[in-house]
Protein backbone atom coordinates (compact mmCIF):
# COMPACT_ATOMS: atom_id res chain seq x y z
CA UNK A 1 -28.63 0.90 -11.84
CA UNK A 2 -30.86 2.44 -9.19
CA UNK A 3 -31.47 1.23 -5.65
CA UNK A 4 -33.83 2.68 -3.07
CA UNK A 5 -33.24 1.87 0.59
CA UNK A 6 -36.49 2.51 2.43
CA UNK A 7 -36.77 3.41 6.12
CA UNK A 8 -33.09 3.03 7.04
CA UNK A 9 -31.85 4.59 10.29
CA UNK A 10 -28.72 6.51 9.20
CA UNK A 11 -25.84 6.63 11.69
CA UNK A 12 -22.46 8.32 11.12
CA UNK A 13 -19.46 8.93 13.39
CA UNK A 14 -17.41 11.67 11.75
CA UNK A 15 -18.82 13.43 13.71
CA UNK A 16 -21.22 11.12 15.52
CA UNK A 17 -24.65 11.77 14.11
CA UNK A 18 -28.00 10.00 13.89
CA UNK A 19 -29.87 11.41 10.90
CA UNK A 20 -33.02 9.48 11.70
CA UNK A 21 -35.05 7.09 9.59
CA UNK A 22 -34.68 8.05 5.94
CA UNK A 23 -35.03 6.79 2.39
CA UNK A 24 -31.74 6.64 0.46
CA UNK A 25 -31.73 6.73 -3.34
CA UNK A 26 -28.62 5.38 -5.05
CA UNK A 27 -27.96 5.87 -8.74
CA UNK A 28 -24.86 4.28 -10.18
CA UNK A 29 -22.12 4.54 -7.56
CA UNK A 30 -23.53 7.61 -5.75
CA UNK A 31 -26.11 8.55 -3.19
CA UNK A 32 -28.29 11.02 -5.09
CA UNK A 33 -31.09 11.74 -2.63
CA UNK A 34 -31.88 11.32 1.05
CA UNK A 35 -35.31 12.25 2.35
CA UNK A 36 -38.03 11.23 4.77
CA UNK A 37 -39.89 9.58 1.89
CA UNK A 38 -38.85 9.00 -1.74
CA UNK A 39 -41.11 7.56 -4.41
CA UNK A 40 -39.42 4.74 -6.26
CA UNK A 41 -38.33 5.87 -9.74
CA UNK A 42 -38.70 3.59 -12.76
CA UNK A 43 -36.24 0.70 -13.02
CA UNK A 44 -35.36 0.92 -9.33
CA UNK A 45 -34.72 -1.99 -7.00
CA UNK A 46 -36.34 -1.24 -3.67
CA UNK A 47 -35.25 -2.70 -0.33
CA UNK A 48 -37.25 -2.29 2.86
CA UNK A 49 -34.71 -1.48 5.60
CA UNK A 50 -37.21 -1.07 8.41
CA UNK A 51 -35.49 -2.05 11.64
CA UNK A 52 -32.02 -1.75 10.10
CA UNK A 53 -29.24 0.78 10.66
CA UNK A 54 -27.30 2.17 7.71
CA UNK A 55 -23.67 3.09 8.45
CA UNK A 56 -20.87 4.14 6.11
CA UNK A 57 -18.86 1.10 5.00
CA UNK A 58 -15.85 0.81 7.28
CA UNK A 59 -12.24 1.51 6.30
CA UNK A 60 -9.13 -0.24 7.64
CA UNK A 61 -6.39 2.39 7.91
CA UNK A 62 -3.53 -0.16 7.84
CA UNK A 63 -3.52 -3.88 7.18
CA UNK A 64 -1.45 -6.72 5.71
CA UNK A 65 -3.57 -8.84 3.38
CA UNK A 66 -0.61 -11.19 2.93
CA UNK A 67 -1.25 -12.51 6.46
CA UNK A 68 -4.78 -13.74 5.68
CA UNK A 69 -3.64 -17.36 5.24
CA UNK A 70 -1.86 -17.31 8.60
CA UNK A 71 -5.02 -18.04 10.57
CA UNK A 72 -4.48 -21.42 12.23
CA UNK A 73 -0.97 -22.00 10.86
CA UNK A 74 1.48 -24.00 13.01
CA UNK A 75 3.42 -21.97 15.58
CA UNK A 76 7.17 -21.45 15.09
CA UNK A 77 9.47 -24.19 16.35
CA UNK A 78 11.33 -21.59 18.44
CA UNK A 79 9.14 -19.43 20.64
CA UNK A 80 9.97 -15.77 19.96
CA UNK A 81 10.76 -13.65 23.01
CA UNK A 82 11.31 -10.24 21.38
CA UNK A 83 9.56 -8.23 18.69
CA UNK A 84 12.37 -8.76 16.18
CA UNK A 85 12.22 -12.51 16.84
CA UNK A 86 8.46 -12.46 16.14
CA UNK A 87 9.28 -10.95 12.76
CA UNK A 88 12.14 -13.36 12.07
CA UNK A 89 10.41 -16.58 13.18
CA UNK A 90 6.88 -15.84 11.95
CA UNK A 91 6.13 -12.98 9.57
CA UNK A 92 9.39 -12.83 7.61
CA UNK A 93 9.07 -16.57 6.98
CA UNK A 94 5.44 -16.29 5.96
CA UNK A 95 5.99 -13.49 3.47
CA UNK A 96 8.90 -15.41 1.87
CA UNK A 97 6.64 -18.45 1.45
CA UNK A 98 4.17 -16.54 -0.73
CA UNK A 99 4.13 -17.01 -4.49
CA UNK A 100 1.74 -15.42 -6.99
CA UNK A 101 -1.11 -17.83 -6.26
CA UNK A 102 -0.71 -17.43 -2.51
CA UNK A 103 -0.65 -13.62 -2.79
CA UNK A 104 -3.88 -13.71 -4.78
CA UNK A 105 -5.70 -16.00 -2.38
CA UNK A 106 -4.41 -14.14 0.67
CA UNK A 107 -5.89 -10.94 -0.72
CA UNK A 108 -9.11 -12.68 -1.77
CA UNK A 109 -9.63 -14.24 1.66
CA UNK A 110 -8.83 -10.95 3.39
CA UNK A 111 -11.25 -9.05 1.16
CA UNK A 112 -14.09 -11.51 1.76
CA UNK A 113 -13.53 -11.41 5.50
CA UNK A 114 -13.54 -7.62 5.32
CA UNK A 115 -16.87 -7.58 3.50
CA UNK A 116 -18.41 -9.85 6.13
CA UNK A 117 -17.39 -7.24 8.74
CA UNK A 118 -18.94 -4.33 6.84
CA UNK A 119 -15.56 -3.07 5.57
CA UNK A 120 -15.44 -1.61 2.08
CA UNK A 121 -11.91 -0.18 1.81
CA UNK A 122 -8.49 -1.55 2.79
CA UNK A 123 -5.24 0.42 3.10
CA UNK A 124 -2.81 -2.42 2.51
CA UNK A 125 0.92 -2.74 3.18
CA UNK A 126 2.21 -5.72 1.21
CA UNK A 127 5.30 -7.96 1.33
CA UNK A 128 6.16 -11.11 -0.66
CA UNK A 129 9.95 -11.25 -1.28
CA UNK A 130 9.65 -14.34 -3.51
CA UNK A 131 7.07 -12.62 -5.73
CA UNK A 132 7.63 -8.88 -5.84
CA UNK A 133 7.09 -7.78 -9.42
CA UNK A 134 3.38 -7.92 -10.22
CA UNK A 135 2.30 -8.50 -6.63
CA UNK A 136 0.31 -5.27 -6.31
CA UNK A 137 -1.59 -5.94 -9.53
CA UNK A 138 -2.35 -9.42 -8.18
CA UNK A 139 -3.79 -7.91 -5.01
CA UNK A 140 -5.77 -5.42 -7.05
CA UNK A 141 -7.32 -8.28 -9.05
CA UNK A 142 -8.36 -10.02 -5.83
CA UNK A 143 -9.97 -6.84 -4.48
CA UNK A 144 -11.75 -6.34 -7.82
CA UNK A 145 -12.99 -9.93 -7.66
CA UNK A 146 -14.70 -9.22 -4.34
CA UNK A 147 -15.61 -5.60 -5.14
CA UNK A 148 -13.69 -3.63 -2.50
CA UNK A 149 -11.64 -0.44 -2.76
CA UNK A 150 -7.97 -0.37 -1.85
CA UNK A 151 -4.93 1.82 -1.29
CA UNK A 152 -1.90 -0.33 -2.06
CA UNK A 153 1.90 -0.32 -1.76
CA UNK A 154 4.82 -2.73 -1.56
CA UNK A 155 6.87 -2.53 1.63
CA UNK A 156 10.45 -1.97 0.47
CA UNK A 157 13.16 -3.38 2.72
CA UNK A 158 16.89 -4.11 2.60
CA UNK A 159 16.55 -7.27 4.67
CA UNK A 160 16.47 -9.34 1.44
CA UNK A 161 19.46 -7.63 -0.13
CA UNK A 162 19.96 -4.81 -2.58
CA UNK A 163 18.17 -6.59 -5.40
CA UNK A 164 15.07 -7.14 -3.29
CA UNK A 165 14.96 -3.47 -2.31
CA UNK A 166 15.33 -2.37 -5.93
CA UNK A 167 12.55 -4.69 -7.08
CA UNK A 168 10.29 -3.35 -4.34
CA UNK A 169 10.92 0.24 -5.41
CA UNK A 170 10.13 -0.64 -9.02
CA UNK A 171 6.96 -2.44 -7.99
CA UNK A 172 5.75 0.70 -6.23
CA UNK A 173 6.70 2.77 -9.26
CA UNK A 174 4.81 0.52 -11.67
CA UNK A 175 1.65 0.56 -9.61
CA UNK A 176 1.78 4.32 -9.16
CA UNK A 177 2.21 4.72 -12.92
CA UNK A 178 -0.46 2.33 -14.15
CA UNK A 179 -2.25 0.50 -11.34
CA UNK A 180 -4.28 3.29 -9.81
CA UNK A 181 -7.92 3.87 -10.68
CA UNK A 182 -9.39 7.17 -9.44
CA UNK A 183 -12.00 6.57 -6.78
CA UNK A 184 -11.31 2.84 -6.49
CA UNK A 185 -7.59 2.03 -6.21
CA UNK A 186 -4.93 4.38 -4.90
CA UNK A 187 -1.24 3.96 -4.26
CA UNK A 188 1.54 5.02 -1.93
CA UNK A 189 5.27 4.39 -1.70
CA UNK A 190 5.69 1.47 0.68
CA UNK A 191 8.51 0.84 3.16
CA UNK A 192 8.88 -1.71 5.93
CA UNK A 193 10.56 0.17 8.78
CA UNK A 194 13.60 2.33 9.36
CA UNK A 195 15.57 -0.49 11.00
CA UNK A 196 15.49 -2.58 7.80
CA UNK A 197 16.27 0.31 5.44
CA UNK A 198 19.69 1.61 4.42
CA UNK A 199 20.34 5.31 3.84
CA UNK A 200 20.47 4.87 0.07
CA UNK A 201 17.07 3.16 0.05
CA UNK A 202 15.47 5.85 2.19
CA UNK A 203 16.72 8.43 -0.26
CA UNK A 204 15.27 6.48 -3.20
CA UNK A 205 11.92 6.15 -1.45
CA UNK A 206 11.79 9.89 -0.84
CA UNK A 207 12.63 10.60 -4.47
CA UNK A 208 9.91 8.22 -5.67
CA UNK A 209 7.38 9.92 -3.41
CA UNK A 210 8.47 13.27 -4.84
CA UNK A 211 7.93 12.01 -8.38
CA UNK A 212 4.35 10.90 -7.76
CA UNK A 213 3.49 13.46 -5.08
CA UNK A 214 2.35 10.81 -2.61
CA UNK A 215 3.22 9.88 0.96
CA UNK A 216 5.16 6.89 2.27
CA UNK A 217 3.46 4.05 4.15
CA UNK A 218 5.92 2.83 6.82
CA UNK A 219 6.03 1.19 10.24
CA UNK A 220 7.45 3.65 12.74
CA UNK A 221 8.67 3.07 16.30
CA UNK A 222 6.54 -0.05 16.66
CA UNK A 223 9.14 -1.36 19.09
CA UNK A 224 11.94 0.61 20.74
CA UNK A 225 14.40 -1.42 18.67
CA UNK A 226 13.49 0.93 15.79
CA UNK A 227 14.78 3.90 17.80
CA UNK A 228 17.84 1.99 18.97
CA UNK A 229 18.78 1.12 15.39
CA UNK A 230 18.38 4.73 14.24
CA UNK A 231 20.56 5.95 17.10
CA UNK A 232 23.30 3.52 16.07
CA UNK A 233 23.08 4.61 12.44
CA UNK A 234 22.93 8.37 12.76
CA UNK A 235 22.76 9.42 16.40
CA UNK A 236 19.05 10.30 16.11
CA UNK A 237 15.85 8.52 17.01
CA UNK A 238 13.75 7.07 14.20
CA UNK A 239 11.63 10.20 13.68
CA UNK A 240 14.78 12.27 13.28
CA UNK A 241 16.19 9.85 10.73
CA UNK A 242 12.94 9.77 8.72
CA UNK A 243 12.70 13.55 8.86
CA UNK A 244 16.25 13.97 7.50
CA UNK A 245 15.41 11.81 4.48
CA UNK A 246 12.14 13.56 3.69
CA UNK A 247 9.96 10.62 4.68
CA UNK A 248 7.85 12.87 6.92
CA UNK A 249 5.68 14.65 4.38
CA UNK A 250 1.99 15.36 3.66
CA UNK A 251 0.17 12.06 3.22
CA UNK A 252 2.81 9.83 4.80
CA UNK A 253 1.35 7.06 6.97
CA UNK A 254 3.33 6.29 10.12
CA UNK A 255 2.06 3.02 11.54
CA UNK A 256 2.05 2.18 15.27
CA UNK A 257 4.13 5.01 16.74
CA UNK A 258 4.22 3.14 20.05
CA UNK A 259 7.63 4.49 21.04
CA UNK A 260 7.27 8.08 19.87
CA UNK A 261 7.51 10.95 22.32
CA UNK A 262 4.84 13.63 22.41
CA UNK A 263 7.17 16.08 20.68
CA UNK A 264 7.88 13.51 17.93
CA UNK A 265 4.15 13.02 17.40
CA UNK A 266 3.74 16.77 17.04
CA UNK A 267 6.58 16.90 14.51
CA UNK A 268 4.91 14.17 12.45
CA UNK A 269 1.63 16.07 12.44
CA UNK A 270 3.38 19.35 11.62
CA UNK A 271 4.79 17.60 8.54
CA UNK A 272 1.31 16.53 7.43
CA UNK A 273 1.62 12.84 8.30
CA UNK A 274 -1.07 10.41 9.36
CA UNK A 275 -0.54 8.16 12.37
CA UNK A 276 -2.31 4.80 12.52
CA UNK A 277 -3.10 3.14 15.85
CA UNK A 278 -3.24 -0.70 15.93
CA UNK A 279 -4.03 -1.60 19.54
CA UNK A 280 -4.75 -5.33 19.14
CA UNK A 281 -1.52 -5.93 17.24
CA UNK A 282 0.45 -3.88 19.75
CA UNK A 283 -0.94 -5.98 22.58
CA UNK A 284 -0.37 -9.23 20.70
CA UNK A 285 3.28 -8.35 20.00
CA UNK A 286 3.76 -6.93 23.51
CA UNK A 287 5.41 -3.77 22.19
CA UNK A 288 3.64 -1.34 24.53
CA UNK A 289 0.96 1.32 24.37
CA UNK A 290 1.09 4.24 21.97
CA UNK A 291 1.10 7.86 23.28
CA UNK A 292 -2.57 8.00 22.46
CA UNK A 293 -3.40 11.30 24.16
CA UNK A 294 -1.00 13.23 21.93
CA UNK A 295 -1.78 11.12 18.87
CA UNK A 296 -5.51 11.75 19.24
CA UNK A 297 -4.93 15.50 18.77
CA UNK A 298 -4.05 15.11 15.10
CA UNK A 299 -4.53 13.04 11.96
CA UNK A 300 -5.08 9.67 13.62
CA UNK A 301 -6.59 6.61 11.95
CA UNK A 302 -7.27 3.08 13.14
CA UNK A 303 -5.83 -0.10 11.62
CA UNK A 304 -5.67 -3.82 12.33
CA UNK A 305 -2.08 -4.57 11.19
CA UNK A 306 -3.33 -7.67 9.40
CA UNK A 307 -5.07 -9.38 12.31
CA UNK A 308 -8.35 -9.12 10.39
CA UNK A 309 -10.59 -6.40 8.95
CA UNK A 310 -13.02 -6.20 11.87
CA UNK A 311 -13.12 -2.53 12.75
CA UNK A 312 -15.83 -3.13 15.34
CA UNK A 313 -13.39 -5.32 17.27
CA UNK A 314 -10.47 -2.94 16.69
CA UNK A 315 -12.33 0.17 17.83
CA UNK A 316 -13.69 -1.64 20.88
CA UNK A 317 -10.18 -2.84 21.79
CA UNK A 318 -8.93 0.73 21.35
CA UNK A 319 -11.61 1.93 23.75
CA UNK A 320 -10.86 -0.61 26.48
CA UNK A 321 -7.10 -0.19 26.16
CA UNK A 322 -7.46 3.56 26.58
CA UNK A 323 -9.69 3.05 29.61
CA UNK A 324 -7.27 0.58 31.17
CA UNK A 325 -4.39 3.02 30.65
CA UNK A 326 -6.46 5.88 32.10
CA UNK A 327 -5.78 7.86 28.91
CA UNK A 328 -7.42 11.28 28.79
CA UNK A 329 -9.21 10.84 25.46
CA UNK A 330 -12.91 11.49 24.72
CA UNK A 331 -15.38 8.67 25.28
CA UNK A 332 -16.12 8.57 21.54
CA UNK A 333 -12.45 8.76 20.50
CA UNK A 334 -12.39 5.34 18.76
CA UNK A 335 -15.26 6.45 16.52
CA UNK A 336 -13.30 9.57 15.62
CA UNK A 337 -10.36 7.35 14.71
CA UNK A 338 -12.67 5.31 12.46
CA UNK A 339 -13.51 8.60 10.78
CA UNK A 340 -9.78 9.21 10.43
CA UNK A 341 -9.35 5.93 8.54
CA UNK A 342 -12.10 6.96 6.14
CA UNK A 343 -10.54 10.37 5.60
CA UNK A 344 -7.07 8.90 5.05
CA UNK A 345 -8.39 6.62 2.30
CA UNK A 346 -10.54 9.41 0.86
CA UNK A 347 -7.45 11.53 0.28
CA UNK A 348 -5.78 8.79 -1.75
CA UNK A 349 -8.87 7.69 -3.66
CA UNK A 350 -10.29 11.12 -4.43
CA UNK A 351 -13.79 10.27 -3.19
CA UNK A 352 -15.46 10.97 0.14
CA UNK A 353 -15.76 7.87 2.30
CA UNK A 354 -17.15 7.59 5.82
CA UNK A 355 -20.37 9.51 5.17
CA UNK A 356 -23.86 8.77 3.89
CA UNK A 357 -24.67 12.05 2.20
CA UNK A 358 -26.04 13.18 -1.13
CA UNK A 359 -23.21 13.19 -3.67
CA UNK A 360 -21.02 10.75 -1.72
CA UNK A 361 -20.13 7.31 -3.03
CA UNK A 362 -22.63 4.65 -2.01
CA UNK A 363 -20.47 2.60 0.36
CA UNK A 364 -23.05 1.50 2.91
CA UNK A 365 -23.32 -1.32 5.44
CA UNK A 366 -26.73 -2.32 6.74
CA UNK A 367 -26.90 -3.65 10.29
CA UNK A 368 -29.69 -5.63 11.88
CA UNK A 369 -29.14 -4.31 15.38
CA UNK A 370 -32.22 -4.60 17.62
CA UNK A 371 -32.72 -1.33 19.47
CA UNK A 372 -33.67 -2.07 23.06
CA UNK A 373 -32.70 1.44 24.20
CA UNK A 374 -32.81 4.84 22.44
CA UNK A 375 -30.13 5.61 19.84
CA UNK A 376 -29.26 9.29 19.53
CA UNK A 377 -26.40 11.44 18.27
CA UNK A 378 -25.26 11.79 21.88
CA UNK A 379 -25.02 8.07 22.67
CA UNK A 380 -23.81 6.49 19.41
CA UNK A 381 -20.46 5.64 21.03
CA UNK A 382 -22.17 3.81 23.86
CA UNK A 383 -24.10 1.65 21.41
CA UNK A 384 -21.02 1.09 19.26
CA UNK A 385 -18.76 -0.01 22.10
CA UNK A 386 -21.20 -1.91 24.30
CA UNK A 387 -23.76 -3.19 21.81
CA UNK A 388 -22.83 -3.31 18.15
CA UNK A 389 -20.51 -5.80 16.46
CA UNK A 390 -19.60 -7.29 13.12
CA UNK A 391 -22.17 -10.04 13.69
CA UNK A 392 -24.87 -7.40 13.21
CA UNK A 393 -23.74 -6.66 9.63
CA UNK A 394 -26.54 -7.77 7.31
CA UNK A 395 -25.53 -6.36 3.93
CA UNK A 396 -22.72 -4.37 2.33
CA UNK A 397 -22.78 -2.13 -0.71
CA UNK A 398 -19.61 -0.66 -2.26
CA UNK A 399 -19.98 1.86 -5.06
CA UNK A 400 -23.68 1.09 -5.38
CA UNK A 401 -23.09 -2.66 -5.86
CA UNK A 402 -24.11 -5.29 -3.32
CA UNK A 403 -21.19 -7.37 -2.08
CA UNK A 404 -23.01 -8.93 0.85
CA UNK A 405 -26.79 -9.29 1.16
CA UNK A 406 -28.85 -11.08 3.78
CA UNK A 407 -25.62 -12.28 5.44
CA UNK A 408 -24.53 -14.03 2.24
CA UNK A 409 -22.00 -13.14 -0.46
CA UNK A 410 -23.91 -12.01 -3.52
CA UNK A 411 -21.42 -13.75 -5.80
CA UNK A 412 -21.89 -17.34 -4.69
CA UNK A 413 -18.87 -18.48 -6.72
CA UNK A 414 -16.65 -16.84 -4.12
CA UNK A 415 -17.46 -19.66 -1.69
CA UNK A 416 -15.81 -22.18 -4.03
CA UNK A 417 -12.76 -19.93 -4.33
CA UNK A 418 -12.52 -19.74 -0.55
CA UNK A 419 -12.49 -23.53 -0.48
CA UNK A 420 -9.55 -23.51 -2.90
CA UNK A 421 -7.73 -21.12 -0.56
CA UNK A 422 -7.52 -23.91 2.01
CA UNK A 423 -5.32 -25.95 -0.32
CA UNK A 424 -3.11 -22.92 -0.99
CA UNK A 425 -2.78 -22.31 2.75
CA UNK A 426 -1.69 -25.91 3.35
CA UNK A 427 0.99 -25.52 0.68
CA UNK A 428 2.23 -22.27 2.20
CA UNK A 429 2.35 -23.79 5.69
CA UNK A 430 4.35 -26.74 4.36
CA UNK A 431 6.82 -24.38 2.71
CA UNK A 432 7.26 -22.50 5.99
CA UNK A 433 8.92 -25.54 7.51
CA UNK A 434 11.76 -25.39 4.99
CA UNK A 435 12.56 -21.72 5.58
């Protein structure tokens, strides 16, 4: 299959770069040629992109697809006042209410919403204590149904007992053994957070990561309660505890990091970890503001923590939060963090995301963004923060295949499946009341 995008204005952000109006030839799943003008080869579908901007499909560096059916659900009967209560009264009830069907539709809904926002890859952190074994394959099937890439794991925890933790470890093992597809689906060892993990489980997670030579995807110091728990257990803060068990390693993803010190951030980076900033979730849960100045000096990515897959909204929130906090980070820092998300996923998928270059996979979002002022390499961040948004996404291609075109899902049958998701959501919400 060949596709020729004519007259597209190519914009990248890792680093920020406007390549100018170009023709882009796509053969199979790759960009094979970019030039000022390309003659259409035989058997090529041509699309006139005059007036449109081509950007690399976006990547969410950390999300929870299992929360996709939470939109609009009834609030908890008891209003949570602390972070742990938010988990206990909301999210730990929701994940227990999910069965196989609900896991599938949660992932399907999340993937469709991602596509509508120009997102082509999701780094997911999954939990469904009532349906552990087979859950990652179920998510994979949902992502395949929509056509998105994914890096998956099951978040192991001891909060559901020893059996639940063991099943979670085996689910990660199974997916790492047989669920990965080079270039499309990658895997990590998943873990919830230090404060819900016993020493034995941490050791098992580290051993599993050793076996498959991957990192561990874990929430870290999201609230200070994570540090307080670690101090009670071993007399060290959470980073010290994770370091002692070999969790800090190349490729590990430490999510949030709100209550890390600068020296702890440096230790994480020295160990080869990624940190993922989730500003909207942090604000929503009132856990504080991450040490963004130190975090921005290393391998930093941007995630949504399951709020949605809108990286336009997340990067804009990151910008305004940094401004409000008077953080000394570059004006274009949120775009650099978007590039970090793409690089994080690239390392686990084995393909280069986040670029529109010859030889790279053809993951491209087309935006119909009317240019009322000049767009240059120097002012991309200004346009991104103050002008562009997910509502400008016109089409999305992942691996050379159209997922979204002319603001509509190419596979029209997905609309009927989304309608079915409403019934699943109602059932999940009803179950919540009994938990």
